[in-house]
Amino acid sequence: MPDTVNGLPVHPLVVHAVVVLLPLAALGVVALAVRPSWRGRFGVLVVLIAALATAAVPLATESGEGLERRVGDPGRHAELGDTLIWFALPLLVAAVALVWLHRRSPGPAEGGTEGPRTPGRGGVGVVVAVLAVAVAAANLVQVYRVGDSGAKAVWGDTPAATAGHGDDDGD
Protein backbone atom coordinates (compact mmCIF):
# COMPACT_ATOMS: atom_id res chain seq x y z
CA MET A 1 0.00 0.00 0.00
CA PRO A 2 1.40 3.43 -0.88
CA ASP A 3 2.16 5.79 2.00
CA THR A 4 0.78 8.87 0.28
CA VAL A 5 -1.85 9.92 -2.25
CA ASN A 6 -1.21 13.26 -3.96
CA GLY A 7 1.27 14.08 -1.22
CA LEU A 8 -1.17 13.37 1.63
CA PRO A 9 -0.58 10.48 4.03
CA VAL A 10 -2.96 7.59 3.29
CA HIS A 11 -3.69 6.94 6.96
CA PRO A 12 -5.92 9.95 7.67
CA LEU A 13 -7.78 9.26 4.44
CA VAL A 14 -8.43 5.59 5.22
CA VAL A 15 -9.24 6.30 8.86
CA HIS A 16 -12.25 8.34 7.80
CA ALA A 17 -13.80 5.20 6.30
CA VAL A 18 -13.49 3.48 9.69
CA VAL A 19 -14.65 6.53 11.65
CA VAL A 20 -17.80 6.81 9.52
CA LEU A 21 -18.64 3.20 8.67
CA LEU A 22 -17.98 1.46 12.00
CA PRO A 23 -20.25 3.73 14.08
CA LEU A 24 -22.84 3.62 11.29
CA ALA A 25 -22.73 -0.17 11.36
CA ALA A 26 -22.98 -0.14 15.17
CA LEU A 27 -26.06 2.08 15.04
CA GLY A 28 -27.53 -0.14 12.33
CA VAL A 29 -26.97 -3.24 14.48
CA VAL A 30 -28.70 -1.54 17.41
CA ALA A 31 -31.62 -0.65 15.14
CA LEU A 32 -31.91 -4.24 13.92
CA ALA A 33 -31.69 -5.53 17.47
CA VAL A 34 -34.42 -3.32 18.89
CA ARG A 35 -36.66 -3.33 15.79
CA PRO A 36 -36.76 -6.91 14.49
CA SER A 37 -39.21 -5.88 11.77
CA TRP A 38 -36.43 -3.82 10.14
CA ARG A 39 -34.16 -6.84 9.67
CA GLY A 40 -35.76 -7.88 6.39
CA ARG A 41 -35.67 -4.40 4.91
CA PHE A 42 -32.31 -3.09 6.21
CA GLY A 43 -30.44 -6.18 7.40
CA VAL A 44 -28.39 -6.81 4.27
CA LEU A 45 -27.43 -3.13 4.12
CA VAL A 46 -26.23 -3.18 7.75
CA VAL A 47 -24.24 -6.36 7.08
CA LEU A 48 -22.66 -4.73 4.02
CA ILE A 49 -21.70 -1.59 5.98
CA ALA A 50 -20.30 -3.73 8.82
CA ALA A 51 -18.28 -5.78 6.31
CA LEU A 52 -16.86 -2.64 4.65
CA ALA A 53 -15.98 -1.16 8.05
CA THR A 54 -14.31 -4.40 9.13
CA ALA A 55 -12.31 -4.51 5.89
CA ALA A 56 -11.24 -0.88 6.36
CA VAL A 57 -9.80 -1.50 9.83
CA PRO A 58 -6.72 -3.48 8.68
CA LEU A 59 -6.14 -0.91 5.92
CA ALA A 60 -6.16 1.86 8.53
CA THR A 61 -3.82 -0.15 10.75
CA GLU A 62 -1.41 -0.88 7.91
CA SER A 63 -1.39 2.69 6.68
CA GLY A 64 -0.89 3.86 10.26
CA GLU A 65 2.19 1.68 10.55
CA GLY A 66 3.52 3.27 7.36
CA LEU A 67 2.88 6.73 8.77
CA GLU A 68 4.52 5.71 12.04
CA ARG A 69 7.71 4.86 10.17
CA ARG A 70 7.71 8.37 8.69
CA VAL A 71 6.74 10.54 11.69
CA GLY A 72 7.39 8.45 14.79
CA ASP A 73 5.51 6.37 17.32
CA PRO A 74 2.01 7.69 18.14
CA GLY A 75 2.10 5.82 21.46
CA ARG A 76 -1.26 4.69 22.83
CA HIS A 77 -3.02 5.38 19.53
CA ALA A 78 -1.16 2.56 17.79
CA GLU A 79 -1.92 0.16 20.64
CA LEU A 80 -5.62 1.01 20.61
CA GLY A 81 -5.79 0.94 16.81
CA ASP A 82 -4.43 -2.60 16.79
CA THR A 83 -7.38 -3.72 18.97
CA LEU A 84 -10.13 -2.27 16.78
CA ILE A 85 -10.38 -5.31 14.51
CA TRP A 86 -11.36 -7.38 17.58
CA PHE A 87 -14.34 -5.08 18.03
CA ALA A 88 -15.31 -4.85 14.36
CA LEU A 89 -15.36 -8.62 13.75
CA PRO A 90 -17.92 -9.37 16.50
CA LEU A 91 -20.04 -6.48 15.20
CA LEU A 92 -20.07 -8.08 11.77
CA VAL A 93 -20.98 -11.42 13.33
CA ALA A 94 -23.80 -9.77 15.30
CA ALA A 95 -25.19 -8.16 12.14
CA VAL A 96 -25.09 -11.47 10.29
CA ALA A 97 -26.69 -13.27 13.25
CA LEU A 98 -29.58 -10.81 13.40
CA VAL A 99 -30.24 -11.19 9.67
CA TRP A 100 -29.91 -14.97 9.91
CA LEU A 101 -32.45 -15.05 12.75
CA HIS A 102 -34.85 -13.08 10.60
CA ARG A 103 -34.46 -15.41 7.65
CA ARG A 104 -34.93 -18.57 9.66
CA SER A 105 -37.98 -17.37 11.57
CA PRO A 106 -41.27 -18.70 10.25
CA GLY A 107 -43.26 -16.44 7.96
CA PRO A 108 -47.02 -16.00 8.05
CA ALA A 109 -49.17 -19.04 7.48
CA GLU A 110 -50.49 -19.71 4.00
CA GLY A 111 -53.06 -17.11 3.18
CA GLY A 112 -51.28 -14.60 5.43
CA THR A 113 -53.92 -14.75 8.18
CA GLU A 114 -51.46 -14.81 11.09
CA GLY A 115 -49.99 -11.38 10.45
CA PRO A 116 -46.45 -10.38 9.62
CA ARG A 117 -43.36 -12.37 10.45
CA THR A 118 -41.98 -11.75 13.96
CA PRO A 119 -38.27 -12.25 13.45
CA GLY A 120 -35.97 -13.15 16.30
CA ARG A 121 -38.67 -13.71 18.91
CA GLY A 122 -37.97 -16.16 21.68
CA GLY A 123 -35.02 -16.76 23.97
CA VAL A 124 -32.32 -17.05 21.34
CA GLY A 125 -33.51 -13.91 19.56
CA VAL A 126 -33.48 -11.90 22.78
CA VAL A 127 -30.01 -13.12 23.75
CA VAL A 128 -28.61 -12.33 20.29
CA ALA A 129 -30.24 -8.88 20.32
CA VAL A 130 -28.85 -8.04 23.77
CA LEU A 131 -25.37 -9.25 22.79
CA ALA A 132 -25.60 -7.28 19.54
CA VAL A 133 -26.42 -4.06 21.42
CA ALA A 134 -23.52 -4.67 23.83
CA VAL A 135 -21.10 -5.31 20.95
CA ALA A 136 -22.34 -2.20 19.15
CA ALA A 137 -21.86 -0.07 22.27
CA ALA A 138 -18.35 -1.45 22.74
CA ASN A 139 -17.55 -0.51 19.13
CA LEU A 140 -18.75 3.05 19.60
CA VAL A 141 -16.62 3.42 22.73
CA GLN A 142 -13.54 1.89 21.10
CA VAL A 143 -13.81 4.02 17.95
CA TYR A 144 -13.97 7.07 20.20
CA ARG A 145 -10.95 5.93 22.23
CA VAL A 146 -8.85 5.23 19.13
CA GLY A 147 -9.83 8.51 17.49
CA ASP A 148 -9.27 10.53 20.64
CA SER A 149 -5.82 9.02 21.15
CA GLY A 150 -4.99 9.75 17.51
CA ALA A 151 -6.07 13.36 17.84
CA LYS A 152 -3.98 13.71 20.99
CA ALA A 153 -1.00 12.12 19.22
CA VAL A 154 -1.27 14.77 16.48
CA TRP A 155 -2.48 17.81 18.40
CA GLY A 156 -1.62 17.08 22.03
CA ASP A 157 -3.71 19.23 24.33
CA THR A 158 -3.98 22.04 21.78
CA PRO A 159 -7.39 22.41 20.12
CA ALA A 160 -7.10 22.12 16.34
CA ALA A 161 -8.64 25.56 15.80
CA THR A 162 -5.82 27.27 17.73
CA ALA A 163 -2.91 25.01 16.77
CA GLY A 164 -0.03 26.88 15.16
CA HIS A 165 -1.34 30.35 15.98
CA GLY A 166 0.91 30.97 19.00
CA ASP A 167 0.64 34.14 21.09
CA ASP A 168 0.89 36.66 18.28
CA ASP A 169 -2.32 38.28 17.15
CA GLY A 170 -1.43 38.29 13.46
CA ASP A 171 -0.54 42.01 13.24
C-alpha atoms as a PDB file:
ATOM      1  CA  MET A   1       0.000   0.000   0.000  1.00  0.00           C
ATOM      2  CA  PRO A   2       1.400   3.430  -0.878  1.00  0.00           C
ATOM      3  CA  ASP A   3       2.164   5.787   2.003  1.00  0.00           C
ATOM      4  CA  THR A   4       0.780   8.870   0.275  1.00  0.00           C
ATOM      5  CA  VAL A   5      -1.852   9.925  -2.247  1.00  0.00           C
ATOM      6  CA  ASN A   6      -1.211  13.257  -3.956  1.00  0.00           C
ATOM      7  CA  GLY A   7       1.272  14.080  -1.224  1.00  0.00           C
ATOM      8  CA  LEU A   8      -1.171  13.366   1.627  1.00  0.00           C
ATOM      9  CA  PRO A   9      -0.583  10.477   4.026  1.00  0.00           C
ATOM     10  CA  VAL A  10      -2.959   7.585   3.290  1.00  0.00           C
ATOM     11  CA  HIS A  11      -3.693   6.938   6.962  1.00  0.00           C
ATOM     12  CA  PRO A  12      -5.924   9.955   7.673  1.00  0.00           C
ATOM     13  CA  LEU A  13      -7.779   9.263   4.439  1.00  0.00           C
ATOM     14  CA  VAL A  14      -8.434   5.585   5.224  1.00  0.00           C
ATOM     15  CA  VAL A  15      -9.242   6.305   8.863  1.00  0.00           C
ATOM     16  CA  HIS A  16     -12.250   8.338   7.798  1.00  0.00           C
ATOM     17  CA  ALA A  17     -13.804   5.203   6.300  1.00  0.00           C
ATOM     18  CA  VAL A  18     -13.494   3.478   9.687  1.00  0.00           C
ATOM     19  CA  VAL A  19     -14.655   6.531  11.648  1.00  0.00           C
ATOM     20  CA  VAL A  20     -17.799   6.812   9.524  1.00  0.00           C
ATOM     21  CA  LEU A  21     -18.636   3.196   8.671  1.00  0.00           C
ATOM     22  CA  LEU A  22     -17.982   1.463  12.004  1.00  0.00           C
ATOM     23  CA  PRO A  23     -20.254   3.732  14.083  1.00  0.00           C
ATOM     24  CA  LEU A  24     -22.844   3.625  11.290  1.00  0.00           C
ATOM     25  CA  ALA A  25     -22.731  -0.172  11.364  1.00  0.00           C
ATOM     26  CA  ALA A  26     -22.978  -0.140  15.171  1.00  0.00           C
ATOM     27  CA  LEU A  27     -26.060   2.083  15.044  1.00  0.00           C
ATOM     28  CA  GLY A  28     -27.528  -0.144  12.330  1.00  0.00           C
ATOM     29  CA  VAL A  29     -26.973  -3.237  14.476  1.00  0.00           C
ATOM     30  CA  VAL A  30     -28.705  -1.543  17.411  1.00  0.00           C
ATOM     31  CA  ALA A  31     -31.624  -0.645  15.139  1.00  0.00           C
ATOM     32  CA  LEU A  32     -31.911  -4.239  13.920  1.00  0.00           C
ATOM     33  CA  ALA A  33     -31.687  -5.533  17.474  1.00  0.00           C
ATOM     34  CA  VAL A  34     -34.422  -3.320  18.886  1.00  0.00           C
ATOM     35  CA  ARG A  35     -36.664  -3.328  15.794  1.00  0.00           C
ATOM     36  CA  PRO A  36     -36.757  -6.907  14.487  1.00  0.00           C
ATOM     37  CA  SER A  37     -39.214  -5.884  11.773  1.00  0.00           C
ATOM     38  CA  TRP A  38     -36.426  -3.819  10.141  1.00  0.00           C
ATOM     39  CA  ARG A  39     -34.160  -6.842   9.672  1.00  0.00           C
ATOM     40  CA  GLY A  40     -35.756  -7.884   6.394  1.00  0.00           C
ATOM     41  CA  ARG A  41     -35.669  -4.400   4.911  1.00  0.00           C
ATOM     42  CA  PHE A  42     -32.307  -3.092   6.205  1.00  0.00           C
ATOM     43  CA  GLY A  43     -30.441  -6.184   7.402  1.00  0.00           C
ATOM     44  CA  VAL A  44     -28.389  -6.814   4.274  1.00  0.00           C
ATOM     45  CA  LEU A  45     -27.427  -3.125   4.119  1.00  0.00           C
ATOM     46  CA  VAL A  46     -26.232  -3.184   7.751  1.00  0.00           C
ATOM     47  CA  VAL A  47     -24.235  -6.361   7.083  1.00  0.00           C
ATOM     48  CA  LEU A  48     -22.656  -4.733   4.020  1.00  0.00           C
ATOM     49  CA  ILE A  49     -21.698  -1.592   5.982  1.00  0.00           C
ATOM     50  CA  ALA A  50     -20.296  -3.729   8.821  1.00  0.00           C
ATOM     51  CA  ALA A  51     -18.277  -5.776   6.307  1.00  0.00           C
ATOM     52  CA  LEU A  52     -16.857  -2.641   4.654  1.00  0.00           C
ATOM     53  CA  ALA A  53     -15.983  -1.159   8.051  1.00  0.00           C
ATOM     54  CA  THR A  54     -14.309  -4.395   9.131  1.00  0.00           C
ATOM     55  CA  ALA A  55     -12.312  -4.512   5.893  1.00  0.00           C
ATOM     56  CA  ALA A  56     -11.243  -0.882   6.359  1.00  0.00           C
ATOM     57  CA  VAL A  57      -9.799  -1.498   9.835  1.00  0.00           C
ATOM     58  CA  PRO A  58      -6.717  -3.483   8.679  1.00  0.00           C
ATOM     59  CA  LEU A  59      -6.144  -0.914   5.925  1.00  0.00           C
ATOM     60  CA  ALA A  60      -6.160   1.855   8.527  1.00  0.00           C
ATOM     61  CA  THR A  61      -3.819  -0.150  10.752  1.00  0.00           C
ATOM     62  CA  GLU A  62      -1.410  -0.885   7.908  1.00  0.00           C
ATOM     63  CA  SER A  63      -1.391   2.694   6.679  1.00  0.00           C
ATOM     64  CA  GLY A  64      -0.892   3.858  10.260  1.00  0.00           C
ATOM     65  CA  GLU A  65       2.190   1.684  10.547  1.00  0.00           C
ATOM     66  CA  GLY A  66       3.517   3.269   7.364  1.00  0.00           C
ATOM     67  CA  LEU A  67       2.883   6.730   8.769  1.00  0.00           C
ATOM     68  CA  GLU A  68       4.519   5.712  12.044  1.00  0.00           C
ATOM     69  CA  ARG A  69       7.715   4.855  10.165  1.00  0.00           C
ATOM     70  CA  ARG A  70       7.709   8.369   8.693  1.00  0.00           C
ATOM     71  CA  VAL A  71       6.742  10.535  11.685  1.00  0.00           C
ATOM     72  CA  GLY A  72       7.385   8.449  14.787  1.00  0.00           C
ATOM     73  CA  ASP A  73       5.512   6.372  17.323  1.00  0.00           C
ATOM     74  CA  PRO A  74       2.015   7.686  18.140  1.00  0.00           C
ATOM     75  CA  GLY A  75       2.099   5.817  21.460  1.00  0.00           C
ATOM     76  CA  ARG A  76      -1.257   4.694  22.828  1.00  0.00           C
ATOM     77  CA  HIS A  77      -3.019   5.377  19.531  1.00  0.00           C
ATOM     78  CA  ALA A  78      -1.161   2.557  17.790  1.00  0.00           C
ATOM     79  CA  GLU A  79      -1.925   0.156  20.638  1.00  0.00           C
ATOM     80  CA  LEU A  80      -5.625   1.007  20.607  1.00  0.00           C
ATOM     81  CA  GLY A  81      -5.791   0.943  16.815  1.00  0.00           C
ATOM     82  CA  ASP A  82      -4.435  -2.596  16.790  1.00  0.00           C
ATOM     83  CA  THR A  83      -7.380  -3.716  18.967  1.00  0.00           C
ATOM     84  CA  LEU A  84     -10.135  -2.268  16.783  1.00  0.00           C
ATOM     85  CA  ILE A  85     -10.383  -5.308  14.512  1.00  0.00           C
ATOM     86  CA  TRP A  86     -11.355  -7.383  17.580  1.00  0.00           C
ATOM     87  CA  PHE A  87     -14.336  -5.079  18.035  1.00  0.00           C
ATOM     88  CA  ALA A  88     -15.305  -4.850  14.357  1.00  0.00           C
ATOM     89  CA  LEU A  89     -15.359  -8.617  13.746  1.00  0.00           C
ATOM     90  CA  PRO A  90     -17.919  -9.371  16.496  1.00  0.00           C
ATOM     91  CA  LEU A  91     -20.042  -6.484  15.204  1.00  0.00           C
ATOM     92  CA  LEU A  92     -20.068  -8.077  11.767  1.00  0.00           C
ATOM     93  CA  VAL A  93     -20.976 -11.424  13.331  1.00  0.00           C
ATOM     94  CA  ALA A  94     -23.798  -9.769  15.299  1.00  0.00           C
ATOM     95  CA  ALA A  95     -25.194  -8.157  12.142  1.00  0.00           C
ATOM     96  CA  VAL A  96     -25.087 -11.470  10.290  1.00  0.00           C
ATOM     97  CA  ALA A  97     -26.689 -13.275  13.248  1.00  0.00           C
ATOM     98  CA  LEU A  98     -29.583 -10.810  13.397  1.00  0.00           C
ATOM     99  CA  VAL A  99     -30.245 -11.186   9.674  1.00  0.00           C
ATOM    100  CA  TRP A 100     -29.914 -14.969   9.906  1.00  0.00           C
ATOM    101  CA  LEU A 101     -32.446 -15.049  12.751  1.00  0.00           C
ATOM    102  CA  HIS A 102     -34.855 -13.081  10.602  1.00  0.00           C
ATOM    103  CA  ARG A 103     -34.458 -15.406   7.645  1.00  0.00           C
ATOM    104  CA  ARG A 104     -34.925 -18.574   9.658  1.00  0.00           C
ATOM    105  CA  SER A 105     -37.983 -17.369  11.568  1.00  0.00           C
ATOM    106  CA  PRO A 106     -41.275 -18.697  10.245  1.00  0.00           C
ATOM    107  CA  GLY A 107     -43.258 -16.441   7.963  1.00  0.00           C
ATOM    108  CA  PRO A 108     -47.020 -16.004   8.048  1.00  0.00           C
ATOM    109  CA  ALA A 109     -49.166 -19.042   7.482  1.00  0.00           C
ATOM    110  CA  GLU A 110     -50.491 -19.714   3.997  1.00  0.00           C
ATOM    111  CA  GLY A 111     -53.061 -17.114   3.183  1.00  0.00           C
ATOM    112  CA  GLY A 112     -51.277 -14.604   5.428  1.00  0.00           C
ATOM    113  CA  THR A 113     -53.925 -14.751   8.184  1.00  0.00           C
ATOM    114  CA  GLU A 114     -51.459 -14.807  11.089  1.00  0.00           C
ATOM    115  CA  GLY A 115     -49.993 -11.378  10.448  1.00  0.00           C
ATOM    116  CA  PRO A 116     -46.446 -10.385   9.620  1.00  0.00           C
ATOM    117  CA  ARG A 117     -43.361 -12.367  10.451  1.00  0.00           C
ATOM    118  CA  THR A 118     -41.982 -11.753  13.955  1.00  0.00           C
ATOM    119  CA  PRO A 119     -38.266 -12.248  13.448  1.00  0.00           C
ATOM    120  CA  GLY A 120     -35.974 -13.148  16.302  1.00  0.00           C
ATOM    121  CA  ARG A 121     -38.674 -13.710  18.909  1.00  0.00           C
ATOM    122  CA  GLY A 122     -37.966 -16.160  21.685  1.00  0.00           C
ATOM    123  CA  GLY A 123     -35.022 -16.757  23.968  1.00  0.00           C
ATOM    124  CA  VAL A 124     -32.325 -17.048  21.336  1.00  0.00           C
ATOM    125  CA  GLY A 125     -33.505 -13.907  19.564  1.00  0.00           C
ATOM    126  CA  VAL A 126     -33.481 -11.901  22.779  1.00  0.00           C
ATOM    127  CA  VAL A 127     -30.012 -13.123  23.752  1.00  0.00           C
ATOM    128  CA  VAL A 128     -28.613 -12.327  20.292  1.00  0.00           C
ATOM    129  CA  ALA A 129     -30.245  -8.883  20.318  1.00  0.00           C
ATOM    130  CA  VAL A 130     -28.851  -8.040  23.774  1.00  0.00           C
ATOM    131  CA  LEU A 131     -25.372  -9.246  22.792  1.00  0.00           C
ATOM    132  CA  ALA A 132     -25.604  -7.278  19.537  1.00  0.00           C
ATOM    133  CA  VAL A 133     -26.422  -4.064  21.423  1.00  0.00           C
ATOM    134  CA  ALA A 134     -23.523  -4.674  23.826  1.00  0.00           C
ATOM    135  CA  VAL A 135     -21.095  -5.308  20.954  1.00  0.00           C
ATOM    136  CA  ALA A 136     -22.335  -2.195  19.148  1.00  0.00           C
ATOM    137  CA  ALA A 137     -21.862  -0.072  22.273  1.00  0.00           C
ATOM    138  CA  ALA A 138     -18.350  -1.451  22.737  1.00  0.00           C
ATOM    139  CA  ASN A 139     -17.547  -0.512  19.126  1.00  0.00           C
ATOM    140  CA  LEU A 140     -18.750   3.048  19.604  1.00  0.00           C
ATOM    141  CA  VAL A 141     -16.622   3.420  22.733  1.00  0.00           C
ATOM    142  CA  GLN A 142     -13.544   1.893  21.104  1.00  0.00           C
ATOM    143  CA  VAL A 143     -13.815   4.019  17.953  1.00  0.00           C
ATOM    144  CA  TYR A 144     -13.967   7.074  20.199  1.00  0.00           C
ATOM    145  CA  ARG A 145     -10.949   5.927  22.229  1.00  0.00           C
ATOM    146  CA  VAL A 146      -8.849   5.227  19.129  1.00  0.00           C
ATOM    147  CA  GLY A 147      -9.830   8.506  17.487  1.00  0.00           C
ATOM    148  CA  ASP A 148      -9.267  10.528  20.641  1.00  0.00           C
ATOM    149  CA  SER A 149      -5.822   9.025  21.151  1.00  0.00           C
ATOM    150  CA  GLY A 150      -4.985   9.748  17.505  1.00  0.00           C
ATOM    151  CA  ALA A 151      -6.069  13.360  17.840  1.00  0.00           C
ATOM    152  CA  LYS A 152      -3.980  13.708  20.988  1.00  0.00           C
ATOM    153  CA  ALA A 153      -0.996  12.120  19.217  1.00  0.00           C
ATOM    154  CA  VAL A 154      -1.270  14.768  16.479  1.00  0.00           C
ATOM    155  CA  TRP A 155      -2.477  17.812  18.398  1.00  0.00           C
ATOM    156  CA  GLY A 156      -1.619  17.078  22.028  1.00  0.00           C
ATOM    157  CA  ASP A 157      -3.712  19.233  24.331  1.00  0.00           C
ATOM    158  CA  THR A 158      -3.977  22.038  21.785  1.00  0.00           C
ATOM    159  CA  PRO A 159      -7.387  22.411  20.115  1.00  0.00           C
ATOM    160  CA  ALA A 160      -7.104  22.117  16.335  1.00  0.00           C
ATOM    161  CA  ALA A 161      -8.643  25.561  15.803  1.00  0.00           C
ATOM    162  CA  THR A 162      -5.819  27.266  17.725  1.00  0.00           C
ATOM    163  CA  ALA A 163      -2.906  25.012  16.768  1.00  0.00           C
ATOM    164  CA  GLY A 164      -0.031  26.879  15.156  1.00  0.00           C
ATOM    165  CA  HIS A 165      -1.340  30.355  15.981  1.00  0.00           C
ATOM    166  CA  GLY A 166       0.910  30.969  18.998  1.00  0.00           C
ATOM    167  CA  ASP A 167       0.645  34.136  21.088  1.00  0.00           C
ATOM    168  CA  ASP A 168       0.887  36.660  18.275  1.00  0.00           C
ATOM    169  CA  ASP A 169      -2.318  38.276  17.149  1.00  0.00           C
ATOM    170  CA  GLY A 170      -1.426  38.289  13.459  1.00  0.00           C
ATOM    171  CA  ASP A 171      -0.541  42.014  13.239  1.00  0.00           C
END
